[in-house]
Protein backbone atom coordinates (compact mmCIF):
# COMPACT_ATOMS: atom_id res chain seq x y z
CA MET A 1 194.96 113.14 118.73
CA SER A 2 196.57 113.23 122.27
CA VAL A 3 194.90 115.01 125.17
CA ILE A 4 197.67 117.58 125.17
CA ALA A 5 197.18 118.28 121.49
CA VAL A 6 193.37 118.60 122.03
CA PHE A 7 193.88 121.13 124.80
CA ARG A 8 196.48 123.01 122.78
CA GLN A 9 194.09 123.39 119.88
CA LYS A 10 191.27 124.33 122.25
CA THR A 11 193.47 127.04 123.79
CA LEU A 12 194.27 128.45 120.29
CA ASP A 13 190.57 128.45 119.47
CA LEU A 14 189.71 130.25 122.72
CA LEU A 15 192.42 132.84 122.14
CA HIS A 16 191.04 133.50 118.71
CA VAL A 17 187.55 133.93 120.22
CA TYR A 18 188.97 136.25 122.95
CA VAL A 19 190.73 138.49 120.35
CA GLY A 20 187.44 138.88 118.49
CA LEU A 21 185.57 139.71 121.73
CA ALA A 22 188.23 142.16 122.80
CA ARG A 23 187.97 144.03 119.54
CA LEU A 24 184.26 144.48 120.11
CA ILE A 25 184.19 145.10 123.82
CA ILE A 26 187.10 147.54 124.47
CA PRO A 27 185.96 150.28 122.05
CA ILE A 28 182.32 149.91 123.33
CA ALA A 29 183.38 150.00 126.99
CA ILE A 30 185.57 153.11 126.51
CA ALA A 31 182.78 154.80 124.52
CA ALA A 32 180.23 153.95 127.25
CA GLU A 33 182.52 155.37 129.97
CA ALA A 34 183.09 158.56 127.95
CA LEU A 35 179.36 159.02 127.40
CA ALA A 36 178.74 158.36 131.09
CA ARG A 37 181.28 161.03 132.08
CA MET A 38 179.70 163.47 129.65
CA GLY A 39 176.21 162.85 131.09
CA VAL A 40 174.85 161.24 127.94
CA ILE A 41 174.06 157.96 129.69
CA THR A 42 172.14 159.84 132.42
CA ALA A 43 170.26 161.73 129.66
CA ILE A 44 169.19 158.68 127.69
CA ALA A 45 168.63 156.22 130.56
CA PRO A 46 165.02 157.41 131.07
CA ALA A 47 164.15 155.93 127.69
CA PHE A 48 164.76 152.50 129.27
CA ASP A 49 162.99 153.36 132.45
CA PRO A 50 159.52 151.88 131.60
CA VAL A 51 161.01 148.45 131.03
CA MET A 52 163.66 148.46 133.67
CA SER A 53 161.42 149.85 136.35
CA PHE A 54 159.00 146.98 135.69
CA TYR A 55 161.76 144.67 136.88
CA GLY A 56 162.85 147.00 139.70
CA LEU A 57 166.18 147.70 137.94
CA PRO A 58 168.08 150.98 137.38
CA PRO A 59 167.26 152.36 133.98
CA GLU A 60 170.94 152.58 133.11
CA LEU A 61 171.04 148.74 132.90
CA GLY A 62 168.74 149.00 129.81
CA ILE A 63 171.88 150.02 127.89
CA ALA A 64 173.80 146.94 129.07
CA TRP A 65 170.78 144.82 128.16
CA LEU A 66 170.69 146.26 124.64
CA MET A 67 174.46 145.69 124.19
CA GLY A 68 174.02 142.11 125.49
CA MET A 69 171.29 141.38 123.00
CA LEU A 70 173.38 142.69 120.15
CA LEU A 71 176.90 141.65 121.11
CA GLY A 72 176.59 138.85 123.62
CA LEU A 73 176.98 138.17 127.31
CA TRP A 74 180.50 139.56 127.51
CA GLY A 75 179.37 142.79 125.82
CA ALA A 76 176.91 143.39 128.65
CA ILE A 77 178.71 142.28 131.76
CA THR A 78 181.70 144.62 131.15
CA LEU A 79 179.25 147.54 131.23
CA ILE A 80 177.09 146.63 134.23
CA PHE A 81 179.31 148.16 136.99
CA THR A 82 180.39 151.01 134.76
CA LEU A 83 176.78 152.10 134.45
CA VAL A 84 175.55 151.29 137.94
CA PRO A 85 177.68 151.26 141.16
CA VAL A 86 177.87 147.92 142.88
CA SER A 87 176.56 149.48 146.08
CA GLU A 88 173.22 150.24 144.35
CA LEU A 89 172.57 146.63 143.32
CA SER A 90 171.13 143.65 145.20
CA VAL A 91 171.48 139.92 144.49
CA ALA A 92 167.89 140.07 143.14
CA ASP A 93 168.85 142.86 140.75
CA ILE A 94 171.77 141.02 139.23
CA THR A 95 169.78 137.74 139.14
CA ILE A 96 166.84 139.32 137.31
CA PHE A 97 169.14 141.15 134.95
CA SER A 98 171.06 137.94 134.32
CA ALA A 99 167.79 136.22 133.42
CA LEU A 100 167.14 138.79 130.74
CA LEU A 101 170.64 138.33 129.39
CA LEU A 102 170.74 134.48 129.50
CA PHE A 103 167.62 134.12 127.38
CA ALA A 104 168.45 136.72 124.75
CA HIS A 105 172.04 137.68 123.93
CA ALA A 106 174.12 137.80 120.75
CA LEU A 107 170.85 137.69 118.78
CA PRO A 108 172.29 138.70 115.39
CA ILE A 109 174.70 135.75 115.43
CA GLU A 110 172.72 133.09 117.27
CA GLN A 111 169.40 133.81 115.51
CA ALA A 112 171.20 133.67 112.16
CA ILE A 113 172.25 130.10 113.07
CA ILE A 114 168.70 129.23 114.12
CA ARG A 115 167.30 130.67 110.82
CA ARG A 116 169.63 128.49 108.81
CA ALA A 117 168.09 125.43 110.49
CA GLY A 118 164.72 126.48 109.08
CA PRO A 119 162.64 128.43 111.76
CA GLY A 120 161.57 131.99 111.03
CA LEU A 121 163.96 134.64 112.26
CA LEU A 122 161.41 137.08 113.56
CA ALA A 123 159.17 134.54 115.29
CA THR A 124 161.95 132.73 117.09
CA THR A 125 163.60 136.03 118.17
CA LEU A 126 160.36 137.33 119.66
CA ILE A 127 159.70 133.98 121.39
CA ARG A 128 163.15 134.05 122.90
CA VAL A 129 163.10 137.69 124.08
CA ALA A 130 159.56 137.22 125.41
CA GLY A 131 160.62 134.11 127.33
CA GLY A 132 163.41 135.96 129.04
CA MET A 133 161.13 138.84 129.94
CA ILE A 134 158.48 136.58 131.35
CA TYR A 135 160.97 134.60 133.44
CA ALA A 136 162.60 137.76 134.71
CA ALA A 137 159.11 139.02 135.64
CA ILE A 138 158.49 135.85 137.61
CA LEU A 139 161.71 136.34 139.53
CA ARG A 140 160.90 139.95 140.21
CA GLY A 141 157.39 139.04 141.44
CA ILE A 142 158.79 136.40 143.81
CA SER A 143 161.51 138.76 145.14
CA ALA A 144 159.09 141.71 145.65
CA ALA A 145 156.55 139.48 147.43
CA THR A 146 159.03 137.65 149.74
CA GLY A 147 162.12 139.76 149.97
CA TRP A 148 164.03 136.84 148.33
CA LEU A 149 167.60 137.87 147.29
CA GLU A 150 167.24 141.44 148.52
CA GLN A 151 170.60 141.38 150.30
CA PRO A 152 173.38 143.66 148.92
CA LEU A 153 175.32 142.28 145.97
CA GLN A 154 178.62 140.65 146.85
CA GLY A 155 179.70 138.88 143.68
CA THR A 156 183.00 137.09 143.48
CA TRP A 157 183.80 138.97 140.35
CA GLN A 158 182.92 142.68 139.73
CA PRO A 159 184.29 143.76 136.40
CA MET A 160 184.72 147.45 135.87
CA ALA A 161 183.57 148.63 139.31
CA GLU A 162 183.37 152.42 139.70
CA THR A 163 186.74 154.25 139.43
CA GLN A 164 188.16 157.75 139.79
CA GLY A 165 189.51 159.33 136.65
CA TRP A 166 190.55 157.86 133.28
CA GLY A 167 193.83 156.34 134.58
CA GLY A 168 191.93 154.26 137.12
CA TYR A 169 189.31 153.34 134.52
CA LEU A 170 191.85 152.11 131.94
CA ILE A 171 193.69 150.08 134.63
CA GLY A 172 190.30 148.55 135.61
CA LEU A 173 189.44 147.77 131.97
CA THR A 174 192.83 146.10 131.54
CA GLU A 175 192.21 143.98 134.66
CA THR A 176 188.72 143.12 133.49
CA MET A 177 189.95 141.96 130.11
CA ALA A 178 192.62 139.90 131.74
CA TRP A 179 190.12 138.19 134.07
CA MET A 180 187.81 137.72 131.05
CA LEU A 181 190.57 135.79 129.37
CA VAL A 182 191.15 133.66 132.44
CA VAL A 183 187.44 132.90 132.81
CA LEU A 184 187.06 132.08 129.15
CA LEU A 185 190.06 129.74 129.20
CA LEU A 186 189.00 127.99 132.41
CA LEU A 187 185.37 127.46 131.15
CA GLY A 188 186.56 126.30 127.75
CA TRP A 189 188.96 123.81 129.29
CA LEU A 190 186.29 122.61 131.60
CA VAL A 191 183.87 121.97 128.79
CA GLU A 192 186.56 120.15 126.89
CA ALA A 193 187.46 118.03 129.90
CA LEU A 194 183.77 117.09 130.38
CA GLN A 195 183.63 116.00 126.79
CA ILE A 196 186.85 113.90 126.89
CA THR A 197 185.92 112.19 130.16
CA GLY A 198 182.39 111.30 128.93
CA ILE A 199 180.74 113.42 131.69
CA MET A 200 179.11 115.60 128.98
CA ASP A 201 177.54 112.50 127.40
CA LEU A 202 176.28 111.43 130.85
CA LEU A 203 174.70 114.88 131.40
CA GLY A 204 173.18 114.62 127.98
CA ARG A 205 171.56 111.26 128.84
CA LEU A 206 170.20 112.65 132.04
CA ILE A 207 168.62 115.61 130.21
CA ASP A 208 167.39 113.60 127.21
CA PRO A 209 164.26 111.97 128.91
CA VAL A 210 163.28 115.34 130.42
CA LEU A 211 163.07 116.87 126.87
CA ARG A 212 160.20 114.58 126.07
CA LEU A 213 158.12 116.55 128.64
CA ALA A 214 158.71 119.68 126.47
CA GLY A 215 157.48 117.87 123.38
CA ILE A 216 160.96 117.39 121.80
CA GLY A 217 161.31 113.93 120.44
CA GLY A 218 163.20 111.86 117.90
CA GLU A 219 166.52 112.98 116.50
CA ALA A 220 165.84 116.58 117.44
CA ARG A 221 166.33 115.68 121.05
CA GLN A 222 170.08 115.08 120.76
CA PHE A 223 170.66 118.49 119.20
CA ALA A 224 168.60 120.26 121.86
CA VAL A 225 170.78 118.51 124.53
CA ILE A 226 173.98 119.65 122.78
CA GLY A 227 172.64 123.23 122.51
CA THR A 228 171.53 123.26 126.18
CA LEU A 229 174.94 122.15 127.39
CA LEU A 230 177.29 123.88 124.90
CA GLY A 231 175.32 126.65 123.24
CA VAL A 232 173.31 127.56 120.11
CA ALA A 233 176.44 127.66 117.95
CA PHE A 234 177.02 123.92 118.68
CA GLY A 235 173.47 122.61 118.90
CA GLY A 236 172.05 124.79 116.12
CA GLY A 237 175.10 124.34 113.89
CA LEU A 238 174.67 120.51 114.03
CA LEU A 239 170.96 120.86 113.58
CA ILE A 240 171.42 122.76 110.35
CA ARG A 241 172.84 119.79 108.50
CA GLU A 242 170.20 117.42 109.77
CA ALA A 243 167.41 119.89 108.96
CA GLN A 244 168.67 120.17 105.35
CA SER A 245 168.57 116.40 105.06
CA GLY A 246 164.84 116.35 105.78
CA ARG A 247 165.06 113.56 108.38
CA ILE A 248 163.64 115.72 111.22
CA PRO A 249 160.10 117.07 110.94
CA PRO A 250 159.96 120.94 110.92
CA ARG A 251 157.87 121.18 114.05
CA GLN A 252 160.44 119.13 115.98
CA ILE A 253 163.26 121.38 114.65
CA LEU A 254 161.32 124.42 115.82
CA ALA A 255 160.72 122.86 119.26
CA ALA A 256 164.45 122.10 119.62
CA CYS A 257 165.34 125.65 118.59
CA ILE A 258 162.91 127.24 121.02
CA PHE A 259 164.16 125.13 123.85
CA MET A 260 167.74 125.96 122.94
CA GLY A 261 166.89 129.65 122.88
CA PHE A 262 165.57 129.43 126.42
CA SER A 263 168.20 127.22 128.02
CA HIS A 264 171.41 127.19 125.86
CA SER A 265 174.93 127.12 127.21
CA LEU A 266 173.70 125.99 130.61
CA ILE A 267 177.21 125.47 131.97
CA GLU A 268 179.29 128.31 130.65
CA ASP A 269 176.85 131.21 130.70
CA THR A 270 175.48 130.22 134.07
CA ALA A 271 178.91 130.11 135.60
CA ILE A 272 179.63 133.66 134.30
CA VAL A 273 176.58 135.28 135.80
CA MET A 274 176.96 133.40 139.05
CA ALA A 275 180.48 134.84 139.30
CA LEU A 276 178.79 138.28 139.13
CA GLY A 277 176.62 137.35 142.09
CA ALA A 278 173.44 135.94 140.45
CA ASP A 279 171.60 133.20 142.43
CA GLY A 280 172.41 129.73 141.08
CA LEU A 281 168.95 128.31 141.87
CA ALA A 282 167.32 130.94 139.72
CA VAL A 283 169.72 131.10 136.74
CA LEU A 284 170.31 127.31 136.50
CA TRP A 285 167.49 125.12 137.79
CA GLY A 286 164.79 127.74 137.64
CA ARG A 287 165.75 128.66 134.10
CA LEU A 288 165.83 124.94 133.03
CA LEU A 289 162.40 124.30 134.58
CA PHE A 290 160.97 127.37 132.90
CA ALA A 291 162.44 126.33 129.53
CA LEU A 292 160.79 122.94 129.70
CA ILE A 293 157.33 124.30 130.74
CA ALA A 294 157.40 127.26 128.27
CA THR A 295 158.57 125.14 125.36
CA ALA A 296 155.77 122.61 126.02
CA LEU A 297 153.20 125.37 126.23
CA VAL A 298 154.44 127.20 123.07
CA MET A 299 154.55 123.96 121.11
CA ARG A 300 151.07 123.02 122.25
CA VAL A 301 149.81 126.18 120.62
CA ILE A 302 152.03 125.82 117.52
CA ASN A 303 151.03 122.21 116.93
CA ARG A 304 147.39 123.35 116.56
CA LEU A 305 148.29 125.85 113.78
CA PRO A 306 147.36 124.86 110.23
CA PRO A 307 150.29 124.08 107.85
CA SER A 308 149.82 127.30 105.88
CA VAL A 309 150.21 129.45 109.01
CA PHE A 310 153.08 127.43 110.35
CA GLU A 311 155.05 127.65 107.10
CA ALA A 312 154.33 131.34 106.57
CA TRP A 313 155.23 132.64 109.99
CA LEU A 314 157.20 130.03 111.92
CA PHE A 315 159.08 127.81 109.47
CA PRO A 316 159.46 129.45 106.03
CA ALA A 317 161.99 126.82 105.01
CA ALA A 318 159.24 124.16 104.91
CA ARG A 319 157.51 126.06 102.14
CA SER A 320 160.52 125.93 99.80
CA LYS A 321 161.14 122.20 100.51
CA ALA A 322 157.51 120.96 100.55
CA GLY A 323 154.75 121.69 98.08
CA PRO A 324 152.00 124.23 98.75
CA GLY A 325 149.96 123.18 101.77
CA GLN A 326 152.28 120.44 102.73
CA ASP A 327 153.79 120.22 106.22
CA ARG A 328 156.24 117.44 106.82
CA ALA A 329 155.92 117.60 110.54
CA ALA A 330 153.96 114.51 111.20
């Protein structure tokens, strides 16, 4: 297949993805704006205050966080500046909030993929959300202690900034959706170009040795690399087939899935939140370093669990494939 044909097919795929996202985002964005104008957001925001105040964030962002966990990154970022004026946010705020989103978004879809690879749905979801909350807390602690990133937010892209009246809002929503299509196409084409030119393989080889530090070895390492660079849908999707073949030990599958949960889609998702104004050092290199350390620590604990506990709580699929009391993770 020629390069032109590859990019044509990629464009069609991205347009299909965009249409699906638009059908989700537009009704939710309009509903959120209507609720905000009716005072409902102000009324329910205090319910999120205990968590958001811990991170020094406006309680209204708790609603965007919830939407992000359910619908994905795009579902959250189109609400951020609808719920909270840009003038009230700092670079630290958007960086900390981005950390929460990067670790845990689109959970119903992505965790379903992880579950098909074998790990338990509840356990891996809790580990993933907890990882994001811990990393965001670290960023908050550093910022509060040093004043790091406390300057006013001046992101290069501010979707759905505050507007006057419904006419201005709908124009802003249309512009946001148009920019969202541009960003989605550019990032999709970039990833495709990196794959065609072999740069993606080079990045994979650079990351591969580092994964050993997190306790991810053997064939599971290549799927963790793919998930880190391209996302859970790619890495987890490929891992499902290998997991069903029985060639990769369950504990290695779990390690790869935990690492992917912490650091997936390192290129695309990072570029999106950086466009909003998040600090690149924190959302890229800091996130990757945290993912390595956290995965190593979590797996050190998990590797000490007896097979019965491991199979019951962390990898139910092992119980159906192996006999009672057997754990194939050598």
